[in-house]
Amino acid sequence: MVDGEDDGTSEIVRSLGFYAATAPVNRGQGAALRVGYKIASSKGASCLVTLDADGQYNLEEMGNLVKPIIEGTADFVQGSRRLSLGEPDDLIRFLGVYFFSKIITLLTGVKITDSSNGFRAIRSEVVNNITLSEDQYHASELLMGSIFNGYRVIERPASMKPRNHGTTKKGSNLYYGYNYARVILKTWFREKLLLKHNIIKNIYA
């Protein structure tokens, strides 16, 4: 999925014989991935793999993420730079990874070490059955929504290289941290309310 490109990415992808869906304007990674999920599912994909296209991830590690899905031991495999040999290019954000992962672990009861890593493998049915509404800071919504809906979430090592070109579109560390925290709390409240609603509904069914 190409989200509002201006560098000819779509043409390059198609010239290599691959499919590329292009959004006319940049809407954010979360919005782009939702479209990608729908397209992949409509084509019969049983497992989805996501990663950023900035060259920071090691494609050779993809098999380690997909394997638990294929073997049926997990529904969502989150890559973790803290379980690998990550090379942090921003100490503040690296500390943020630790902090927010601790928060999500406390809120969900599932041990998470790297909640914002973009390298992940997911069973298609997961993204079709959870609520996804965030256009940009979506990683925690996707992860927490999967956990609260009873899907098996595990982590596997996924190294991450420092960014060697371009800049992040997610703003300054403070802005990013605020929005990431906002989505965590929003998702937690929403999922807890849905759980409570379903419990009451079952009682009076």
N, C-alpha and C. Protein backbone atom coordinates (compact mmCIF):
# COMPACT_ATOMS: atom_id res chain seq x y z
N MET A 1 0.85 -1.18 0.00
CA MET A 1 0.00 0.00 0.00
C MET A 1 0.89 1.24 0.00
N VAL A 2 0.72 2.11 -1.00
CA VAL A 2 1.51 3.34 -1.11
C VAL A 2 0.62 4.51 -0.70
N ASP A 3 1.01 5.20 0.36
CA ASP A 3 0.16 6.22 0.97
C ASP A 3 0.59 7.62 0.54
N GLY A 4 -0.04 8.13 -0.52
CA GLY A 4 0.24 9.50 -0.96
C GLY A 4 1.67 9.73 -1.38
N GLU A 5 2.20 8.93 -2.27
CA GLU A 5 3.59 9.02 -2.69
C GLU A 5 3.88 10.27 -3.53
N ASP A 6 5.16 10.64 -3.59
CA ASP A 6 5.61 11.67 -4.52
C ASP A 6 6.99 11.31 -5.08
N ASP A 7 7.35 10.02 -4.97
CA ASP A 7 8.69 9.61 -5.39
C ASP A 7 8.69 8.45 -6.39
N GLY A 8 7.52 8.13 -6.96
CA GLY A 8 7.47 7.08 -7.97
C GLY A 8 7.51 5.67 -7.44
N THR A 9 7.22 5.49 -6.13
CA THR A 9 7.27 4.15 -5.53
C THR A 9 6.34 3.17 -6.25
N SER A 10 5.13 3.60 -6.57
CA SER A 10 4.15 2.70 -7.21
C SER A 10 4.68 2.15 -8.52
N GLU A 11 5.27 3.04 -9.32
CA GLU A 11 5.78 2.60 -10.62
C GLU A 11 6.91 1.60 -10.46
N ILE A 12 7.76 1.82 -9.48
CA ILE A 12 8.88 0.91 -9.24
C ILE A 12 8.36 -0.47 -8.84
N VAL A 13 7.38 -0.48 -7.91
CA VAL A 13 6.81 -1.75 -7.44
C VAL A 13 6.17 -2.51 -8.59
N ARG A 14 5.39 -1.82 -9.41
CA ARG A 14 4.71 -2.48 -10.54
C ARG A 14 5.70 -2.96 -11.59
N SER A 15 6.77 -2.20 -11.78
CA SER A 15 7.77 -2.60 -12.78
C SER A 15 8.47 -3.89 -12.40
N LEU A 16 8.44 -4.21 -11.09
CA LEU A 16 9.06 -5.44 -10.60
C LEU A 16 8.07 -6.61 -10.59
N GLY A 17 6.84 -6.32 -11.07
CA GLY A 17 5.85 -7.38 -11.20
C GLY A 17 4.97 -7.58 -9.99
N PHE A 18 4.96 -6.60 -9.06
CA PHE A 18 4.15 -6.72 -7.86
C PHE A 18 2.96 -5.77 -7.90
N TYR A 19 1.96 -6.06 -7.07
CA TYR A 19 0.75 -5.25 -7.00
C TYR A 19 1.00 -4.05 -6.09
N ALA A 20 0.51 -2.88 -6.48
CA ALA A 20 0.63 -1.68 -5.65
C ALA A 20 -0.68 -0.93 -5.66
N ALA A 21 -1.23 -0.70 -4.47
CA ALA A 21 -2.42 0.13 -4.33
C ALA A 21 -1.94 1.51 -3.87
N THR A 22 -2.40 2.55 -4.55
CA THR A 22 -1.91 3.89 -4.26
C THR A 22 -3.02 4.82 -3.82
N ALA A 23 -2.85 5.45 -2.66
CA ALA A 23 -3.81 6.46 -2.19
C ALA A 23 -3.39 7.81 -2.78
N PRO A 24 -4.34 8.60 -3.26
CA PRO A 24 -3.99 9.89 -3.89
C PRO A 24 -3.39 10.91 -2.92
N VAL A 25 -3.76 10.81 -1.64
CA VAL A 25 -3.21 11.72 -0.63
C VAL A 25 -2.76 10.91 0.58
N ASN A 26 -1.82 11.47 1.33
CA ASN A 26 -1.33 10.79 2.52
C ASN A 26 -2.34 10.90 3.64
N ARG A 27 -2.82 9.74 4.11
CA ARG A 27 -3.82 9.72 5.19
C ARG A 27 -3.24 9.20 6.49
N GLY A 28 -2.07 8.60 6.45
CA GLY A 28 -1.47 8.03 7.65
C GLY A 28 -1.32 6.53 7.51
N GLN A 29 -0.36 5.99 8.25
CA GLN A 29 -0.03 4.57 8.14
C GLN A 29 -1.20 3.67 8.51
N GLY A 30 -1.93 4.04 9.57
CA GLY A 30 -3.05 3.22 10.00
C GLY A 30 -4.12 3.12 8.93
N ALA A 31 -4.45 4.25 8.30
CA ALA A 31 -5.46 4.27 7.24
C ALA A 31 -4.99 3.45 6.04
N ALA A 32 -3.72 3.59 5.70
CA ALA A 32 -3.17 2.84 4.56
C ALA A 32 -3.20 1.34 4.81
N LEU A 33 -2.85 0.94 6.03
CA LEU A 33 -2.84 -0.49 6.35
C LEU A 33 -4.24 -1.09 6.35
N ARG A 34 -5.24 -0.31 6.76
CA ARG A 34 -6.61 -0.83 6.73
C ARG A 34 -7.02 -1.19 5.31
N VAL A 35 -6.64 -0.32 4.36
CA VAL A 35 -6.93 -0.60 2.95
C VAL A 35 -6.16 -1.84 2.51
N GLY A 36 -4.89 -1.91 2.90
CA GLY A 36 -4.07 -3.07 2.55
C GLY A 36 -4.63 -4.37 3.10
N TYR A 37 -5.12 -4.32 4.34
CA TYR A 37 -5.72 -5.52 4.95
C TYR A 37 -6.92 -5.99 4.14
N LYS A 38 -7.78 -5.05 3.74
CA LYS A 38 -8.98 -5.41 3.00
C LYS A 38 -8.64 -6.02 1.64
N ILE A 39 -7.66 -5.43 0.98
CA ILE A 39 -7.25 -5.94 -0.33
C ILE A 39 -6.68 -7.35 -0.20
N ALA A 40 -5.77 -7.52 0.76
CA ALA A 40 -5.14 -8.82 0.96
C ALA A 40 -6.17 -9.89 1.32
N SER A 41 -7.10 -9.54 2.22
CA SER A 41 -8.13 -10.50 2.62
C SER A 41 -9.03 -10.86 1.46
N SER A 42 -9.36 -9.87 0.62
CA SER A 42 -10.24 -10.13 -0.53
C SER A 42 -9.57 -11.03 -1.56
N LYS A 43 -8.24 -11.04 -1.54
CA LYS A 43 -7.48 -11.89 -2.46
C LYS A 43 -7.21 -13.27 -1.86
N GLY A 44 -7.72 -13.52 -0.65
CA GLY A 44 -7.59 -14.83 -0.05
C GLY A 44 -6.37 -15.03 0.83
N ALA A 45 -5.68 -13.95 1.20
CA ALA A 45 -4.50 -14.09 2.06
C ALA A 45 -4.90 -14.60 3.44
N SER A 46 -4.18 -15.57 3.95
CA SER A 46 -4.46 -16.10 5.29
C SER A 46 -3.55 -15.50 6.34
N CYS A 47 -2.42 -14.95 5.91
CA CYS A 47 -1.45 -14.34 6.82
C CYS A 47 -0.96 -13.03 6.23
N LEU A 48 -0.93 -11.99 7.03
CA LEU A 48 -0.49 -10.68 6.58
C LEU A 48 0.80 -10.29 7.29
N VAL A 49 1.73 -9.70 6.56
CA VAL A 49 2.98 -9.21 7.15
C VAL A 49 3.09 -7.72 6.84
N THR A 50 3.35 -6.92 7.85
CA THR A 50 3.53 -5.48 7.64
C THR A 50 4.93 -5.07 8.06
N LEU A 51 5.45 -4.09 7.36
CA LEU A 51 6.73 -3.47 7.74
C LEU A 51 6.84 -2.14 7.04
N ASP A 52 7.57 -1.23 7.62
CA ASP A 52 7.79 0.08 7.02
C ASP A 52 8.73 -0.07 5.83
N ALA A 53 8.58 0.84 4.87
CA ALA A 53 9.38 0.76 3.65
C ALA A 53 10.60 1.67 3.69
N ASP A 54 11.17 1.85 4.87
CA ASP A 54 12.32 2.77 4.99
C ASP A 54 13.65 2.04 5.13
N GLY A 55 13.63 0.71 4.94
CA GLY A 55 14.87 -0.05 4.96
C GLY A 55 15.42 -0.35 6.33
N GLN A 56 14.65 -0.10 7.39
CA GLN A 56 15.16 -0.32 8.74
C GLN A 56 15.03 -1.77 9.20
N TYR A 57 14.13 -2.53 8.56
CA TYR A 57 13.90 -3.92 8.98
C TYR A 57 14.66 -4.91 8.11
N ASN A 58 14.94 -6.07 8.66
CA ASN A 58 15.67 -7.12 7.97
C ASN A 58 14.67 -8.13 7.41
N LEU A 59 14.50 -8.16 6.09
CA LEU A 59 13.51 -9.04 5.47
C LEU A 59 13.81 -10.51 5.71
N GLU A 60 15.06 -10.85 5.97
CA GLU A 60 15.41 -12.25 6.22
C GLU A 60 14.78 -12.77 7.51
N GLU A 61 14.31 -11.88 8.38
CA GLU A 61 13.70 -12.28 9.63
C GLU A 61 12.19 -12.52 9.50
N MET A 62 11.65 -12.31 8.31
CA MET A 62 10.22 -12.45 8.11
C MET A 62 9.74 -13.87 8.43
N GLY A 63 10.52 -14.86 8.06
CA GLY A 63 10.15 -16.24 8.30
C GLY A 63 9.91 -16.54 9.77
N ASN A 64 10.69 -15.91 10.65
CA ASN A 64 10.55 -16.13 12.09
C ASN A 64 9.23 -15.58 12.62
N LEU A 65 8.71 -14.55 11.95
CA LEU A 65 7.45 -13.96 12.36
C LEU A 65 6.27 -14.78 11.83
N VAL A 66 6.40 -15.27 10.62
CA VAL A 66 5.32 -15.99 9.97
C VAL A 66 5.17 -17.42 10.51
N LYS A 67 6.27 -18.03 10.91
CA LYS A 67 6.26 -19.44 11.32
C LYS A 67 5.21 -19.78 12.36
N PRO A 68 5.09 -19.02 13.47
CA PRO A 68 4.07 -19.37 14.47
C PRO A 68 2.64 -19.31 13.91
N ILE A 69 2.41 -18.40 12.95
CA ILE A 69 1.09 -18.30 12.33
C ILE A 69 0.80 -19.58 11.53
N ILE A 70 1.78 -19.99 10.73
CA ILE A 70 1.62 -21.18 9.90
C ILE A 70 1.46 -22.43 10.75
N GLU A 71 2.20 -22.50 11.84
CA GLU A 71 2.15 -23.68 12.72
C GLU A 71 0.90 -23.69 13.61
N GLY A 72 0.17 -22.58 13.63
CA GLY A 72 -1.05 -22.51 14.41
C GLY A 72 -0.85 -22.27 15.89
N THR A 73 0.31 -21.74 16.27
CA THR A 73 0.59 -21.49 17.68
C THR A 73 0.37 -20.03 18.09
N ALA A 74 0.06 -19.18 17.11
CA ALA A 74 -0.18 -17.76 17.41
C ALA A 74 -1.06 -17.17 16.32
N ASP A 75 -1.75 -16.07 16.68
CA ASP A 75 -2.59 -15.35 15.73
C ASP A 75 -1.94 -14.02 15.33
N PHE A 76 -1.05 -13.54 16.19
CA PHE A 76 -0.42 -12.22 15.98
C PHE A 76 1.01 -12.35 16.51
N VAL A 77 1.98 -12.11 15.65
CA VAL A 77 3.38 -12.18 16.06
C VAL A 77 4.00 -10.80 15.89
N GLN A 78 4.33 -10.19 17.00
CA GLN A 78 4.89 -8.84 17.02
C GLN A 78 6.41 -8.90 17.03
N GLY A 79 7.04 -8.18 16.10
CA GLY A 79 8.49 -8.10 16.11
C GLY A 79 8.95 -7.24 17.27
N SER A 80 10.08 -7.59 17.87
CA SER A 80 10.58 -6.81 19.00
C SER A 80 12.07 -6.52 18.85
N ARG A 81 12.40 -5.26 18.80
CA ARG A 81 13.82 -4.87 18.71
C ARG A 81 14.51 -5.08 20.06
N ARG A 82 13.75 -5.11 21.14
CA ARG A 82 14.34 -5.34 22.46
C ARG A 82 14.73 -6.80 22.66
N LEU A 83 14.17 -7.70 21.86
CA LEU A 83 14.56 -9.10 21.92
C LEU A 83 15.65 -9.42 20.91
N SER A 84 16.06 -8.40 20.14
CA SER A 84 17.06 -8.59 19.10
C SER A 84 18.23 -7.63 19.34
N LEU A 85 18.98 -7.41 18.28
CA LEU A 85 20.14 -6.52 18.37
C LEU A 85 19.79 -5.17 17.75
N GLY A 86 18.80 -4.52 18.33
CA GLY A 86 18.37 -3.23 17.81
C GLY A 86 19.45 -2.18 17.96
N GLU A 87 19.46 -1.23 17.03
CA GLU A 87 20.42 -0.14 17.06
C GLU A 87 19.64 1.17 17.20
N PRO A 88 19.33 1.61 18.43
CA PRO A 88 18.51 2.81 18.60
C PRO A 88 19.18 4.05 18.04
N ASP A 89 18.42 4.80 17.21
CA ASP A 89 18.97 6.04 16.67
C ASP A 89 18.42 7.26 17.42
N ASP A 90 17.56 7.01 18.42
CA ASP A 90 16.99 8.07 19.23
C ASP A 90 16.76 7.51 20.63
N LEU A 91 17.58 7.92 21.58
CA LEU A 91 17.51 7.37 22.94
C LEU A 91 16.15 7.63 23.58
N ILE A 92 15.57 8.82 23.35
CA ILE A 92 14.29 9.15 23.94
C ILE A 92 13.21 8.20 23.45
N ARG A 93 13.19 7.94 22.16
CA ARG A 93 12.17 7.04 21.63
C ARG A 93 12.41 5.60 22.07
N PHE A 94 13.66 5.25 22.21
CA PHE A 94 13.97 3.88 22.68
C PHE A 94 13.45 3.70 24.11
N LEU A 95 13.63 4.74 24.95
CA LEU A 95 13.09 4.68 26.31
C LEU A 95 11.56 4.67 26.28
N GLY A 96 11.00 5.39 25.29
CA GLY A 96 9.55 5.40 25.12
C GLY A 96 9.02 4.02 24.79
N VAL A 97 9.77 3.27 23.99
CA VAL A 97 9.38 1.90 23.65
C VAL A 97 9.25 1.08 24.93
N TYR A 98 10.22 1.21 25.79
CA TYR A 98 10.22 0.48 27.06
C TYR A 98 9.03 0.90 27.93
N PHE A 99 8.82 2.21 28.04
CA PHE A 99 7.76 2.73 28.91
C PHE A 99 6.38 2.30 28.42
N PHE A 100 6.07 2.53 27.15
CA PHE A 100 4.73 2.22 26.65
C PHE A 100 4.47 0.72 26.60
N SER A 101 5.51 -0.05 26.37
CA SER A 101 5.34 -1.51 26.38
C SER A 101 4.98 -1.99 27.78
N LYS A 102 5.58 -1.37 28.80
CA LYS A 102 5.25 -1.70 30.19
C LYS A 102 3.78 -1.36 30.49
N ILE A 103 3.34 -0.21 30.00
CA ILE A 103 1.96 0.22 30.22
C ILE A 103 0.99 -0.76 29.58
N ILE A 104 1.26 -1.15 28.33
CA ILE A 104 0.38 -2.08 27.62
C ILE A 104 0.38 -3.45 28.29
N THR A 105 1.54 -3.87 28.80
CA THR A 105 1.62 -5.14 29.53
C THR A 105 0.74 -5.10 30.77
N LEU A 106 0.77 -3.99 31.50
CA LEU A 106 -0.05 -3.85 32.70
C LEU A 106 -1.54 -3.82 32.37
N LEU A 107 -1.91 -3.14 31.28
CA LEU A 107 -3.32 -2.99 30.92
C LEU A 107 -3.92 -4.26 30.33
N THR A 108 -3.10 -5.06 29.65
CA THR A 108 -3.63 -6.24 28.96
C THR A 108 -3.32 -7.55 29.65
N GLY A 109 -2.29 -7.57 30.50
CA GLY A 109 -1.89 -8.81 31.15
C GLY A 109 -1.04 -9.70 30.27
N VAL A 110 -0.66 -9.22 29.09
CA VAL A 110 0.21 -9.97 28.17
C VAL A 110 1.55 -9.25 28.10
N LYS A 111 2.64 -9.98 28.31
CA LYS A 111 3.97 -9.36 28.31
C LYS A 111 4.35 -8.89 26.91
N ILE A 112 4.57 -7.59 26.78
CA ILE A 112 4.96 -6.97 25.52
C ILE A 112 6.24 -6.18 25.76
N THR A 113 7.22 -6.32 24.88
CA THR A 113 8.48 -5.58 25.04
C THR A 113 8.67 -4.49 23.99
N ASP A 114 7.90 -4.55 22.90
CA ASP A 114 8.06 -3.57 21.83
C ASP A 114 6.73 -3.38 21.11
N SER A 115 5.90 -2.51 21.64
CA SER A 115 4.54 -2.36 21.13
C SER A 115 4.45 -1.57 19.83
N SER A 116 5.48 -0.81 19.50
CA SER A 116 5.40 0.07 18.33
C SER A 116 6.18 -0.41 17.12
N ASN A 117 6.76 -1.61 17.21
CA ASN A 117 7.51 -2.14 16.07
C ASN A 117 6.55 -2.40 14.91
N GLY A 118 6.92 -1.92 13.72
CA GLY A 118 6.05 -2.07 12.56
C GLY A 118 6.18 -3.38 11.82
N PHE A 119 7.11 -4.23 12.26
CA PHE A 119 7.34 -5.53 11.60
C PHE A 119 6.53 -6.58 12.36
N ARG A 120 5.47 -7.10 11.74
CA ARG A 120 4.58 -8.03 12.41
C ARG A 120 3.91 -8.96 11.41
N ALA A 121 3.46 -10.11 11.90
CA ALA A 121 2.69 -11.05 11.09
C ALA A 121 1.37 -11.29 11.80
N ILE A 122 0.27 -11.30 11.04
CA ILE A 122 -1.06 -11.39 11.63
C ILE A 122 -1.93 -12.34 10.80
N ARG A 123 -2.68 -13.17 11.48
CA ARG A 123 -3.68 -13.98 10.79
C ARG A 123 -4.76 -13.04 10.26
N SER A 124 -5.18 -13.24 9.02
CA SER A 124 -6.12 -12.31 8.37
C SER A 124 -7.39 -12.10 9.16
N GLU A 125 -7.90 -13.12 9.76
CA GLU A 125 -9.17 -13.00 10.48
C GLU A 125 -9.08 -12.00 11.63
N VAL A 126 -7.89 -11.79 12.16
CA VAL A 126 -7.72 -10.87 13.30
C VAL A 126 -8.10 -9.45 12.90
N VAL A 127 -7.52 -8.95 11.82
CA VAL A 127 -7.80 -7.57 11.41
C VAL A 127 -9.22 -7.39 10.91
N ASN A 128 -9.87 -8.49 10.54
CA ASN A 128 -11.26 -8.41 10.08
C ASN A 128 -12.25 -8.42 11.24
N ASN A 129 -11.77 -8.75 12.44
CA ASN A 129 -12.68 -8.91 13.58
C ASN A 129 -12.44 -7.95 14.72
N ILE A 130 -11.51 -7.02 14.56
CA ILE A 130 -11.27 -6.04 15.63
C ILE A 130 -11.54 -4.64 15.11
N THR A 131 -11.74 -3.71 16.04
CA THR A 131 -12.02 -2.32 15.66
C THR A 131 -10.71 -1.57 15.40
N LEU A 132 -10.60 -1.01 14.21
CA LEU A 132 -9.42 -0.22 13.83
C LEU A 132 -9.90 1.13 13.30
N SER A 133 -9.57 2.21 13.99
CA SER A 133 -10.05 3.53 13.59
C SER A 133 -8.96 4.58 13.50
N GLU A 134 -7.78 4.30 14.03
CA GLU A 134 -6.71 5.29 14.07
C GLU A 134 -6.01 5.39 12.71
N ASP A 135 -5.86 6.61 12.21
CA ASP A 135 -5.23 6.80 10.90
C ASP A 135 -3.71 6.85 10.99
N GLN A 136 -3.15 7.20 12.13
CA GLN A 136 -1.69 7.33 12.20
C GLN A 136 -1.08 6.49 13.33
N TYR A 137 -1.42 6.78 14.56
CA TYR A 137 -0.77 6.11 15.70
C TYR A 137 -1.54 4.84 16.05
N HIS A 138 -1.52 3.91 15.12
CA HIS A 138 -2.42 2.75 15.16
C HIS A 138 -1.83 1.50 15.81
N ALA A 139 -0.51 1.46 16.01
CA ALA A 139 0.15 0.22 16.43
C ALA A 139 -0.42 -0.33 17.74
N SER A 140 -0.62 0.56 18.73
CA SER A 140 -1.14 0.09 20.01
C SER A 140 -2.60 -0.33 19.90
N GLU A 141 -3.37 0.33 19.05
CA GLU A 141 -4.77 -0.06 18.84
C GLU A 141 -4.85 -1.46 18.25
N LEU A 142 -4.04 -1.74 17.26
CA LEU A 142 -4.00 -3.05 16.62
C LEU A 142 -3.58 -4.13 17.61
N LEU A 143 -2.54 -3.86 18.37
CA LEU A 143 -2.01 -4.83 19.32
C LEU A 143 -2.98 -5.08 20.46
N MET A 144 -3.45 -4.01 21.09
CA MET A 144 -4.35 -4.17 22.24
C MET A 144 -5.70 -4.73 21.83
N GLY A 145 -6.21 -4.31 20.67
CA GLY A 145 -7.47 -4.83 20.19
C GLY A 145 -7.40 -6.33 19.97
N SER A 146 -6.28 -6.80 19.46
CA SER A 146 -6.10 -8.24 19.23
C SER A 146 -6.08 -9.00 20.54
N ILE A 147 -5.38 -8.46 21.53
CA ILE A 147 -5.30 -9.12 22.84
C ILE A 147 -6.66 -9.17 23.51
N PHE A 148 -7.36 -8.03 23.56
CA PHE A 148 -8.65 -7.97 24.25
C PHE A 148 -9.73 -8.81 23.56
N ASN A 149 -9.53 -9.11 22.29
CA ASN A 149 -10.49 -9.96 21.58
C ASN A 149 -10.11 -11.44 21.63
N GLY A 150 -9.14 -11.75 22.49
CA GLY A 150 -8.82 -13.15 22.75
C GLY A 150 -7.86 -13.81 21.79
N TYR A 151 -7.21 -13.04 20.93
CA TYR A 151 -6.27 -13.64 19.99
C TYR A 151 -4.91 -13.85 20.68
N ARG A 152 -4.22 -14.87 20.22
CA ARG A 152 -2.93 -15.24 20.81
C ARG A 152 -1.83 -14.34 20.25
N VAL A 153 -1.28 -13.51 21.11
CA VAL A 153 -0.24 -12.56 20.70
C VAL A 153 1.09 -12.93 21.34
N ILE A 154 2.11 -13.08 20.51
CA ILE A 154 3.46 -13.37 21.00
C ILE A 154 4.45 -12.43 20.32
N GLU A 155 5.68 -12.44 20.80
CA GLU A 155 6.73 -11.63 20.19
C GLU A 155 7.87 -12.51 19.69
N ARG A 156 8.55 -12.01 18.68
CA ARG A 156 9.75 -12.65 18.16
C ARG A 156 10.80 -11.57 17.88
N PRO A 157 12.09 -11.89 18.00
CA PRO A 157 13.13 -10.88 17.73
C PRO A 157 13.02 -10.31 16.32
N ALA A 158 13.20 -9.01 16.21
CA ALA A 158 13.21 -8.35 14.91
C ALA A 158 14.13 -7.15 15.01
N SER A 159 15.29 -7.25 14.40
CA SER A 159 16.27 -6.17 14.48
C SER A 159 15.79 -4.95 13.71
N MET A 160 16.30 -3.81 14.08
CA MET A 160 15.89 -2.56 13.44
C MET A 160 17.11 -1.65 13.31
N LYS A 161 17.42 -1.28 12.08
CA LYS A 161 18.58 -0.44 11.82
C LYS A 161 18.22 1.03 12.01
N PRO A 162 19.21 1.87 12.31
CA PRO A 162 18.94 3.31 12.41
C PRO A 162 18.50 3.84 11.04
N ARG A 163 17.64 4.83 11.04
CA ARG A 163 17.19 5.45 9.80
C ARG A 163 18.37 6.15 9.13
N ASN A 164 18.61 5.83 7.84
CA ASN A 164 19.73 6.45 7.14
C ASN A 164 19.30 7.47 6.09
N HIS A 165 17.99 7.65 5.94
CA HIS A 165 17.51 8.69 5.03
C HIS A 165 16.06 8.99 5.37
N GLY A 166 15.59 10.19 5.00
CA GLY A 166 14.22 10.57 5.28
C GLY A 166 14.01 10.92 6.75
N THR A 167 12.80 11.36 7.04
CA THR A 167 12.44 11.72 8.41
C THR A 167 11.08 11.11 8.77
N THR A 168 10.86 10.91 10.05
CA THR A 168 9.59 10.36 10.49
C THR A 168 8.45 11.34 10.23
N LYS A 169 7.26 10.80 9.95
CA LYS A 169 6.08 11.63 9.72
C LYS A 169 5.22 11.73 10.98
N LYS A 170 5.74 11.21 12.09
CA LYS A 170 4.94 11.15 13.31
C LYS A 170 5.24 12.27 14.29
N GLY A 171 6.03 13.25 13.85
CA GLY A 171 6.26 14.42 14.68
C GLY A 171 7.38 14.27 15.69
N SER A 172 7.50 15.27 16.56
CA SER A 172 8.55 15.29 17.58
C SER A 172 8.30 14.19 18.61
N ASN A 173 9.30 13.93 19.45
CA ASN A 173 9.16 12.91 20.47
C ASN A 173 7.98 13.20 21.41
N LEU A 174 7.81 14.46 21.79
CA LEU A 174 6.73 14.84 22.69
C LEU A 174 5.37 14.64 22.02
N TYR A 175 5.25 15.06 20.78
CA TYR A 175 4.00 14.92 20.03
C TYR A 175 3.67 13.46 19.81
N TYR A 176 4.68 12.69 19.44
CA TYR A 176 4.49 11.25 19.22
C TYR A 176 4.07 10.56 20.52
N GLY A 177 4.76 10.88 21.61
CA GLY A 177 4.45 10.27 22.89
C GLY A 177 3.03 10.59 23.35
N TYR A 178 2.61 11.84 23.17
CA TYR A 178 1.25 12.23 23.55
C TYR A 178 0.22 11.43 22.78
N ASN A 179 0.38 11.35 21.47
CA ASN A 179 -0.60 10.65 20.64
C ASN A 179 -0.58 9.15 20.87
N TYR A 180 0.59 8.61 21.13
CA TYR A 180 0.66 7.16 21.38
C TYR A 180 -0.04 6.83 22.70
N ALA A 181 0.16 7.67 23.70
CA ALA A 181 -0.52 7.47 24.98
C ALA A 181 -2.02 7.64 24.83
N ARG A 182 -2.42 8.62 24.02
CA ARG A 182 -3.85 8.86 23.79
C ARG A 182 -4.53 7.62 23.20
N VAL A 183 -3.88 7.00 22.21
CA VAL A 183 -4.47 5.84 21.55
C VAL A 183 -4.51 4.65 22.51
N ILE A 184 -3.48 4.48 23.33
CA ILE A 184 -3.47 3.39 24.31
C ILE A 184 -4.68 3.51 25.25
N LEU A 185 -4.88 4.70 25.81
CA LEU A 185 -5.99 4.90 26.75
C LEU A 185 -7.34 4.79 26.05
N LYS A 186 -7.45 5.35 24.87
CA LYS A 186 -8.70 5.28 24.10
C LYS A 186 -9.06 3.83 23.81
N THR A 187 -8.09 3.05 23.37
CA THR A 187 -8.34 1.65 23.03
C THR A 187 -8.70 0.86 24.27
N TRP A 188 -8.01 1.10 25.37
CA TRP A 188 -8.29 0.39 26.61
C TRP A 188 -9.71 0.64 27.10
N PHE A 189 -10.13 1.92 27.12
CA PHE A 189 -11.48 2.25 27.56
C PHE A 189 -12.52 1.63 26.62
N ARG A 190 -12.28 1.73 25.32
CA ARG A 190 -13.24 1.19 24.35
C ARG A 190 -13.40 -0.32 24.50
N GLU A 191 -12.29 -1.03 24.61
CA GLU A 191 -12.35 -2.48 24.70
C GLU A 191 -12.97 -2.93 26.03
N LYS A 192 -12.69 -2.20 27.10
CA LYS A 192 -13.28 -2.53 28.39
C LYS A 192 -14.80 -2.30 28.37
N LEU A 193 -15.24 -1.22 27.72
CA LEU A 193 -16.67 -0.95 27.61
C LEU A 193 -17.36 -2.00 26.75
N LEU A 194 -16.71 -2.41 25.67
CA LEU A 194 -17.28 -3.45 24.81
C LEU A 194 -17.38 -4.78 25.56
N LEU A 195 -16.35 -5.08 26.36
CA LEU A 195 -16.36 -6.32 27.14
C LEU A 195 -17.50 -6.30 28.15
N LYS A 196 -17.66 -5.17 28.83
CA LYS A 196 -18.73 -5.03 29.82
C LYS A 196 -20.09 -5.16 29.14
N HIS A 197 -20.24 -4.54 27.98
CA HIS A 197 -21.50 -4.60 27.23
C HIS A 197 -21.82 -6.03 26.84
N ASN A 198 -20.82 -6.76 26.38
CA ASN A 198 -21.04 -8.15 25.95
C ASN A 198 -21.41 -9.05 27.14
N ILE A 199 -20.79 -8.79 28.29
CA ILE A 199 -21.11 -9.57 29.49
C ILE A 199 -22.57 -9.37 29.90
N ILE A 200 -22.99 -8.09 29.92
CA ILE A 200 -24.38 -7.77 30.27
C ILE A 200 -25.33 -8.37 29.25
N LYS A 201 -24.98 -8.28 27.99
CA LYS A 201 -25.81 -8.82 26.91
C LYS A 201 -25.99 -10.32 27.06
N ASN A 202 -24.93 -11.01 27.43
CA ASN A 202 -25.00 -12.47 27.61
C ASN A 202 -25.84 -12.86 28.83
N ILE A 203 -25.77 -12.03 29.86
CA ILE A 203 -26.54 -12.31 31.08
C ILE A 203 -28.05 -12.26 30.79
N TYR A 204 -28.45 -11.27 29.98
CA TYR A 204 -29.87 -11.09 29.72
C TYR A 204 -30.32 -11.72 28.40
N ALA A 205 -29.41 -12.47 27.76
CA ALA A 205 -29.77 -13.12 26.49
C ALA A 205 -30.77 -14.26 26.71
